[in-house]
Structure formats: structure tokens, C-alpha cells
Protein backbone atom coordinates (compact mmCIF):
# COMPACT_ATOMS: atom_id res chain seq x y z
CA MET A 1 135.88 -13.54 186.00
CA THR A 2 133.57 -12.97 188.96
CA ASP A 3 130.60 -12.18 186.70
CA ASN A 4 131.11 -15.38 184.65
CA SER A 5 131.36 -17.50 187.78
CA THR A 6 128.16 -15.98 189.14
CA HIS A 7 126.35 -16.69 185.86
CA GLU A 8 127.56 -20.29 185.89
CA ASN A 9 126.38 -20.71 189.47
CA ASP A 10 122.97 -19.31 188.56
CA GLU A 11 122.68 -21.78 185.69
CA ALA A 12 123.71 -24.63 187.96
CA ALA A 13 121.03 -23.62 190.42
CA LEU A 14 118.43 -23.83 187.66
CA SER A 15 119.48 -27.30 186.57
CA SER A 16 118.03 -30.50 187.91
CA ALA A 17 120.04 -33.20 189.63
CA ALA A 18 123.31 -34.15 187.95
CA GLY A 19 122.70 -35.99 184.70
CA THR A 20 118.99 -35.16 184.62
CA GLN A 21 117.50 -32.74 182.11
CA ARG A 22 114.43 -30.84 183.31
CA ILE A 23 111.84 -30.39 180.54
CA LEU A 24 108.43 -28.71 180.61
CA PHE A 25 105.82 -29.16 177.88
CA VAL A 26 103.55 -26.10 177.73
CA THR A 27 100.35 -26.55 175.76
CA GLY A 28 96.68 -25.67 175.90
CA LEU A 29 93.94 -23.71 174.21
CA SER A 30 94.88 -20.85 171.90
CA GLY A 31 94.52 -17.60 173.80
CA ALA A 32 94.79 -19.24 177.22
CA GLY A 33 98.21 -17.75 177.99
CA LYS A 34 100.95 -19.97 176.51
CA THR A 35 103.01 -17.01 175.29
CA THR A 36 102.80 -15.31 178.69
CA ALA A 37 103.85 -18.51 180.47
CA LEU A 38 106.82 -19.08 178.15
CA GLN A 39 107.99 -15.48 178.47
CA GLU A 40 107.91 -15.74 182.25
CA LEU A 41 109.85 -19.01 182.14
CA GLU A 42 112.44 -17.37 179.88
CA ASP A 43 112.80 -14.51 182.37
CA MET A 44 113.41 -17.13 185.05
CA GLY A 45 116.32 -18.59 183.08
CA TRP A 46 114.68 -21.43 181.17
CA GLU A 47 115.63 -22.26 177.59
CA ILE A 48 112.56 -21.78 175.39
CA LEU A 49 111.38 -23.51 172.22
CA ASP A 50 107.99 -22.40 170.92
CA ASN A 51 106.14 -24.08 168.05
CA PHE A 52 109.18 -26.20 167.25
CA PRO A 53 108.25 -28.96 164.74
CA VAL A 54 107.11 -31.97 166.75
CA ARG A 55 108.86 -34.52 164.53
CA LEU A 56 112.25 -32.96 165.30
CA LEU A 57 111.88 -32.88 169.06
CA ASN A 58 112.80 -36.46 169.86
CA GLY A 59 116.08 -36.11 168.00
CA LEU A 60 116.82 -32.80 169.67
CA ILE A 61 116.19 -34.08 173.19
CA GLY A 62 117.95 -37.33 172.49
CA ALA A 63 121.10 -35.57 171.30
CA GLU A 64 124.23 -35.46 173.42
CA ALA A 65 124.05 -31.66 173.69
CA GLU A 66 124.06 -30.43 177.27
CA PHE A 67 121.46 -27.91 178.42
CA HIS A 68 122.67 -25.56 181.12
CA ALA A 69 119.13 -24.63 182.11
CA PRO A 70 115.72 -26.30 182.15
CA LEU A 71 114.00 -26.49 178.77
CA ALA A 72 110.40 -25.37 178.16
CA ILE A 73 108.74 -26.40 174.89
CA GLY A 74 105.51 -24.78 173.71
CA PHE A 75 102.94 -26.62 171.59
CA ASP A 76 99.57 -25.62 170.23
CA THR A 77 97.45 -26.23 167.14
CA ARG A 78 99.66 -23.85 165.13
CA THR A 79 102.75 -26.01 165.67
CA ARG A 80 103.95 -27.85 162.54
CA GLY A 81 103.12 -31.53 162.70
CA PHE A 82 101.02 -31.07 165.83
CA VAL A 83 99.01 -34.20 166.59
CA PRO A 84 97.87 -34.47 170.22
CA PHE A 85 98.24 -38.24 170.27
CA ASP A 86 101.85 -37.99 169.01
CA VAL A 87 102.71 -35.35 171.60
CA GLY A 88 101.18 -37.54 174.30
CA GLU A 89 103.20 -40.53 173.13
CA LEU A 90 106.37 -38.43 173.09
CA ALA A 91 105.64 -37.26 176.63
CA ALA A 92 105.14 -40.85 177.79
CA GLU A 93 108.39 -41.92 176.11
CA LEU A 94 110.43 -39.09 177.58
CA GLY A 95 108.80 -39.43 180.99
CA ALA A 96 110.01 -43.03 181.20
CA ARG A 97 113.66 -42.02 180.77
CA GLU A 98 115.81 -41.76 183.89
CA ASP A 99 117.86 -38.89 182.46
CA ILE A 100 114.79 -36.65 181.94
CA ASP A 101 112.50 -34.96 184.45
CA LEU A 102 109.41 -34.14 182.36
CA THR A 103 106.34 -32.13 183.37
CA THR A 104 103.37 -31.24 181.15
CA MET A 105 101.39 -28.06 181.84
CA PHE A 106 98.04 -27.49 180.11
CA LEU A 107 96.59 -23.96 180.00
CA ASP A 108 92.78 -24.04 180.00
CA CYS A 109 90.21 -21.26 179.88
CA ALA A 110 86.42 -20.96 179.71
CA SER A 111 85.12 -20.71 176.14
CA GLY A 112 83.26 -17.48 176.81
CA GLU A 113 86.39 -15.78 178.12
CA LEU A 114 88.45 -17.01 175.16
CA GLU A 115 85.81 -15.65 172.79
CA ARG A 116 85.98 -12.29 174.57
CA ARG A 117 89.78 -12.20 174.28
CA TYR A 118 89.68 -12.95 170.56
CA ASN A 119 86.97 -10.38 169.92
CA GLU A 120 88.88 -7.73 171.85
CA THR A 121 92.15 -8.32 170.00
CA ARG A 122 90.44 -9.05 166.65
CA ARG A 123 92.78 -11.98 166.16
CA ARG A 124 91.69 -14.98 164.11
CA HIS A 125 91.30 -18.23 165.95
CA PRO A 126 93.56 -20.86 164.29
CA MET A 127 90.74 -23.39 164.02
CA ALA A 128 87.84 -21.09 163.16
CA ARG A 129 88.63 -21.01 159.42
CA GLY A 130 85.91 -18.56 158.52
CA ARG A 131 83.51 -19.85 161.18
CA PRO A 132 82.53 -18.03 164.39
CA VAL A 133 85.28 -17.90 167.01
CA LEU A 134 83.26 -20.01 169.45
CA GLU A 135 83.08 -22.89 166.95
CA GLY A 136 86.85 -22.81 166.52
CA ILE A 137 87.30 -22.88 170.29
CA LYS A 138 84.94 -25.86 170.57
CA SER A 139 86.82 -27.78 167.86
CA GLU A 140 90.17 -27.05 169.48
CA ARG A 141 88.93 -28.08 172.92
CA GLU A 142 87.78 -31.45 171.56
CA LEU A 143 91.10 -31.93 169.76
CA LEU A 144 93.19 -31.17 172.83
CA GLU A 145 91.16 -33.10 175.40
CA PRO A 146 93.57 -36.10 175.35
CA LEU A 147 96.50 -33.81 176.21
CA ARG A 148 94.52 -32.12 178.96
CA GLY A 149 93.70 -35.50 180.47
CA ARG A 150 97.36 -36.51 180.55
CA ALA A 151 98.75 -33.21 181.83
CA ASP A 152 100.56 -33.14 185.17
CA LEU A 153 99.29 -29.61 185.84
CA VAL A 154 96.16 -27.89 184.48
CA VAL A 155 96.02 -24.12 184.97
CA ASP A 156 92.65 -22.45 184.40
CA THR A 157 93.38 -18.86 183.31
CA THR A 158 89.73 -17.75 183.04
CA ASP A 159 89.95 -15.41 186.02
CA LEU A 160 93.69 -14.76 185.94
CA SER A 161 95.22 -11.47 184.86
CA THR A 162 98.56 -11.57 183.05
CA ASN A 163 100.36 -10.74 186.30
CA GLN A 164 98.52 -13.49 188.15
CA LEU A 165 99.41 -16.09 185.51
CA GLN A 166 103.04 -14.98 185.73
CA GLN A 167 102.83 -15.47 189.50
CA VAL A 168 101.45 -19.00 189.05
CA VAL A 169 104.34 -19.85 186.72
CA ARG A 170 106.88 -18.41 189.16
CA ASP A 171 105.32 -20.32 192.04
CA ARG A 172 105.31 -23.63 190.23
CA PHE A 173 108.58 -23.56 188.29
CA ALA A 174 111.05 -21.24 190.01
CA GLN A 175 114.09 -23.05 191.37
CA THR A 176 114.24 -22.27 195.06
CA GLY A 177 117.73 -23.33 196.10
CA ASP A 178 118.35 -21.41 199.31
CA ALA A 179 115.69 -18.79 198.44
CA PRO A 180 112.80 -18.38 200.90
CA MET A 181 109.44 -19.89 200.05
CA THR A 182 107.12 -17.56 198.14
CA ILE A 183 103.89 -16.96 200.05
CA THR A 184 100.80 -15.53 198.38
CA VAL A 185 97.74 -14.49 200.36
CA SER A 186 94.64 -13.89 198.26
CA SER A 187 90.96 -13.05 198.58
CA PHE A 188 88.17 -14.21 196.29
CA GLY A 189 84.41 -14.52 195.98
CA PHE A 190 82.88 -18.01 195.95
CA ALA A 191 80.09 -16.65 193.74
CA ARG A 192 82.69 -16.02 191.05
CA GLY A 193 84.42 -19.38 191.29
CA MET A 194 87.17 -20.99 193.32
CA PRO A 195 90.75 -19.76 192.73
CA PRO A 196 93.07 -22.15 190.91
CA LEU A 197 96.07 -23.74 192.61
CA SER A 198 95.35 -22.62 196.17
CA ASP A 199 97.00 -24.74 198.85
CA LEU A 200 95.00 -23.54 201.87
CA VAL A 201 91.45 -22.18 201.48
CA PHE A 202 89.45 -20.62 204.31
CA ASP A 203 85.73 -19.81 203.99
CA MET A 204 84.82 -16.57 205.81
CA ARG A 205 81.12 -16.60 204.93
CA PHE A 206 80.20 -17.35 208.56
CA LEU A 207 80.92 -13.69 209.40
CA ASP A 208 78.28 -10.96 209.24
CA ASN A 209 78.20 -9.60 205.70
CA PRO A 210 78.97 -5.85 205.37
CA HIS A 211 77.26 -5.84 201.97
CA TRP A 212 73.90 -5.57 203.70
CA ILE A 213 74.94 -2.42 205.59
CA ALA A 214 74.05 0.47 203.29
CA SER A 215 76.95 2.66 204.43
CA LEU A 216 79.46 -0.17 203.87
CA ARG A 217 78.19 -1.73 200.64
CA GLU A 218 80.26 0.41 198.27
CA GLN A 219 83.35 0.16 200.47
CA THR A 220 85.72 -2.82 200.63
CA GLY A 221 87.72 -4.77 203.16
CA LEU A 222 90.53 -2.24 202.68
CA ASP A 223 88.40 0.49 204.27
CA ALA A 224 88.55 1.00 208.04
CA PRO A 225 84.76 1.05 208.66
CA VAL A 226 84.41 -2.36 206.99
CA GLY A 227 87.27 -3.75 209.06
CA GLU A 228 85.72 -2.41 212.25
CA HIS A 229 82.39 -4.03 211.35
CA ILE A 230 84.03 -7.41 210.72
CA ARG A 231 86.08 -7.27 213.92
CA ALA A 232 82.91 -6.46 215.85
CA ASP A 233 81.52 -9.87 214.87
CA GLU A 234 82.12 -12.02 217.96
CA ALA A 235 83.09 -14.95 215.72
CA PHE A 236 85.97 -13.15 214.02
CA GLU A 237 88.67 -12.99 216.69
CA PRO A 238 88.54 -16.62 217.91
CA ALA A 239 88.26 -17.98 214.36
CA PHE A 240 91.02 -15.78 212.95
CA THR A 241 93.30 -16.56 215.89
CA ARG A 242 92.98 -20.29 215.19
CA ILE A 243 93.53 -19.80 211.45
CA ARG A 244 96.54 -17.54 212.06
CA ASP A 245 98.12 -20.01 214.48
CA LEU A 246 97.53 -22.88 212.06
CA VAL A 247 99.09 -20.98 209.15
CA LEU A 248 102.11 -19.92 211.20
CA GLU A 249 102.54 -23.53 212.30
CA LEU A 250 102.30 -24.90 208.75
CA VAL A 251 104.43 -22.37 206.84
CA PRO A 252 107.80 -23.54 208.25
CA ARG A 253 106.76 -27.15 207.75
CA TYR A 254 105.92 -26.58 204.08
CA SER A 255 109.24 -24.77 203.65
CA ALA A 256 111.11 -27.65 205.30
CA GLN A 257 109.59 -30.01 202.72
CA GLY A 258 111.26 -28.01 199.93
CA ARG A 259 108.16 -26.18 198.77
CA GLY A 260 108.95 -23.13 196.67
CA TYR A 261 105.51 -21.57 197.09
CA LEU A 262 102.44 -21.51 199.29
CA ASN A 263 99.10 -20.01 198.23
CA ILE A 264 96.69 -19.12 201.06
CA ALA A 265 93.21 -18.04 199.96
CA PHE A 266 90.33 -16.48 201.89
CA GLY A 267 86.85 -16.54 200.36
CA CYS A 268 83.56 -14.83 201.04
CA THR A 269 80.49 -14.50 198.84
CA GLY A 270 81.42 -11.60 196.58
CA GLY A 271 85.11 -11.26 197.35
CA ARG A 272 84.97 -7.59 198.36
CA HIS A 273 84.59 -7.36 202.15
CA ARG A 274 85.18 -10.26 204.56
CA SER A 275 87.76 -12.14 202.50
CA VAL A 276 89.69 -8.97 201.68
CA PHE A 277 89.91 -7.83 205.29
CA THR A 278 90.90 -11.29 206.53
CA ALA A 279 93.56 -11.69 203.82
CA GLU A 280 95.06 -8.33 204.72
CA THR A 281 95.01 -9.22 208.42
CA MET A 282 96.70 -12.57 207.73
CA ALA A 283 99.33 -10.92 205.52
CA GLN A 284 100.19 -8.56 208.36
CA ALA A 285 100.43 -11.48 210.78
CA LEU A 286 102.87 -13.17 208.41
CA ARG A 287 104.93 -9.98 208.13
CA ASP A 288 105.02 -9.74 211.92
CA ALA A 289 106.36 -13.30 211.96
CA GLY A 290 109.18 -12.39 209.55
CA PHE A 291 107.70 -13.48 206.22
CA SER A 292 107.13 -11.35 203.09
CA PRO A 293 103.81 -12.40 201.54
CA THR A 294 102.37 -11.14 198.26
CA VAL A 295 98.71 -10.09 198.51
CA ILE A 296 96.21 -10.49 195.64
CA HIS A 297 92.54 -9.45 195.78
CA ARG A 298 90.92 -11.19 192.83
CA ASN A 299 87.45 -9.66 192.96
CA LEU A 300 88.11 -6.36 194.67
CA GLY A 301 87.26 -4.35 191.54
CA THR A 302 83.88 -5.96 190.93
CA LYS A 303 80.67 -4.08 191.62
CA PRO A 304 78.49 -5.04 194.61
CA ALA A 305 75.43 -7.03 193.57
CA ASP A 306 72.53 -8.21 195.73
CA ALA A 307 71.91 -11.16 193.40
CA ILE A 308 75.43 -12.47 194.07
CA GLU A 309 75.41 -11.88 197.81
CA GLY A 310 72.11 -13.71 198.33
CA SER A 311 69.63 -13.00 201.09
């Protein structure tokens, strides 16, 4: 009896307000991560429908059946009856209903990265039809542009690993209830693009760059000599102290607003030295304050390159 009651409470925690059904449309480019996103949602307790015929959806959602958990529905160009305009119209219709809380998430990815993924797995792109993979990707991108434009949330998975995409999904769609806010502290290199979905971004490129010290170039911000070099910069301590105090001031305020997640990102040029050290230092400051942040170093494994670091 206790186990059943616990399960029912968990389901109730996942549900939206009484009488409101929470629905998430998950769509995007083939190979951009829809399957990964849906699997993570399922692990979080969502009901999942993938590639369900579009023409049957309105009747299904309009039925009197009660869902005990949020419902995630996956669409892509392989779905029977998939017409982007029709899906967009269905989203607009459902979004206007008071008994439905609808969100649309579009998974995007750079064409070159999608081509690499298809070549690595030797899968056939659904719209290539005997043509090069890149042509299929281009055709699909043009077809899906109306859905991308109407999406509530666009997630660019170009630079995301599977684990990082799972983290994004958890951050955005986990039901918090009384659970503490999830805090992620990350490092990245501006030369390799801004991170998606960061809430607070701090640029550490004003600090002296360890890349130009021969003995430090191959090391990273996780190594003590690099940390000592960065701390020796007279700008580090006053700047970091202000950033730390700001973050510690804002975290409880975000939590009080019902936020389930907070992503704090530190950037430098290549994403291997200054940003890594500062992210680690901030994560420790958060731990000292009683929080439990997750730390991600996006570009830590990349090779040092003079062309990226600049003069």
C-alpha cells in the first residue's frame, strides 16, 4: 500500500495544475537528438508518443482520458502524415485551450555536424533519397523552418554531448516541487561558440592568458600551476569576488521564483584555462554556501591552438 501511494504522489507531482494537461511537442532536424530527449523525458516520468500519426493526435488529446503524467509527443519528417503547417496549426489550436499547457521544443544542429553524425553511423538521411546527406539536411531544414520559427524553445545540439543534452532536458522539464534548484556551472571557449541556454555568462578574457606561457600551454585550468598563474593576475581576485557575491545573491532569488534550474557559464578564448579555473572556483564557492552544482567543461578536451587564441 505504501509503495502505491508513493507512486501516486510522484505522478501527482509531475502533473500540471488541476484540470490542466501538460503537453510537450518535440521536433527538429533528423539526427539532432529527438530520441535522446524523449528517452530522458520518459526517465523523468513523462508519457511518450513518438512518430504517432499526426491526424490522430487531435482526437487523442481531445478525448476524456486522463493522463497521470505530462505527455511528450515526438514529430519529425518520418512521422506519418507529417506536414509542418498542420503541426503548427495543431499547436496553435491546442495552445489556445485553457485545459492544456503546451510547449514546443525544436532541436537544431549545424549541417556540418549532422553530416558527420550520419557519416559516422552510416544511417540514411530520411530526405536524402539517394542524394548526398548534406542535400537531404538542406531540404529538411527548409521544410521545418516554419516549425522552428514557432517553437517556444530552440535547443542547438551542435556542441552538446548526449549527457549534456540530457542535462538540458532535465533542467528545462523536470518538475521541481520541493526539490532544490539544479545549478550547473560550465566553462567554454568563445572561439568555439556561445553555449546554449546559459542564464548567466561571464567573460574572463580580461585575465592574462596562460596559453602564451610555454610551460602552461598544454595544461588546463584543472592544473595547479595554471590556477596559480591566474590568481597571480591582480584583476582576478577583485573581479571574482564581485562575481561570486553576485551569484550567491541571485541564486536564492531565482529559486524563490520557482526556477528549477540555473546555468552559470564562464568563457575565455579557447575554453581550456581561464574559464575552467574560474568555473571550478565558483563551483567550490557554491558548495561552501551549501549548494550542489554540476560542473561541465565543454572545451576542456580540445587541443591548444595559437590561431584560436589570437595574438
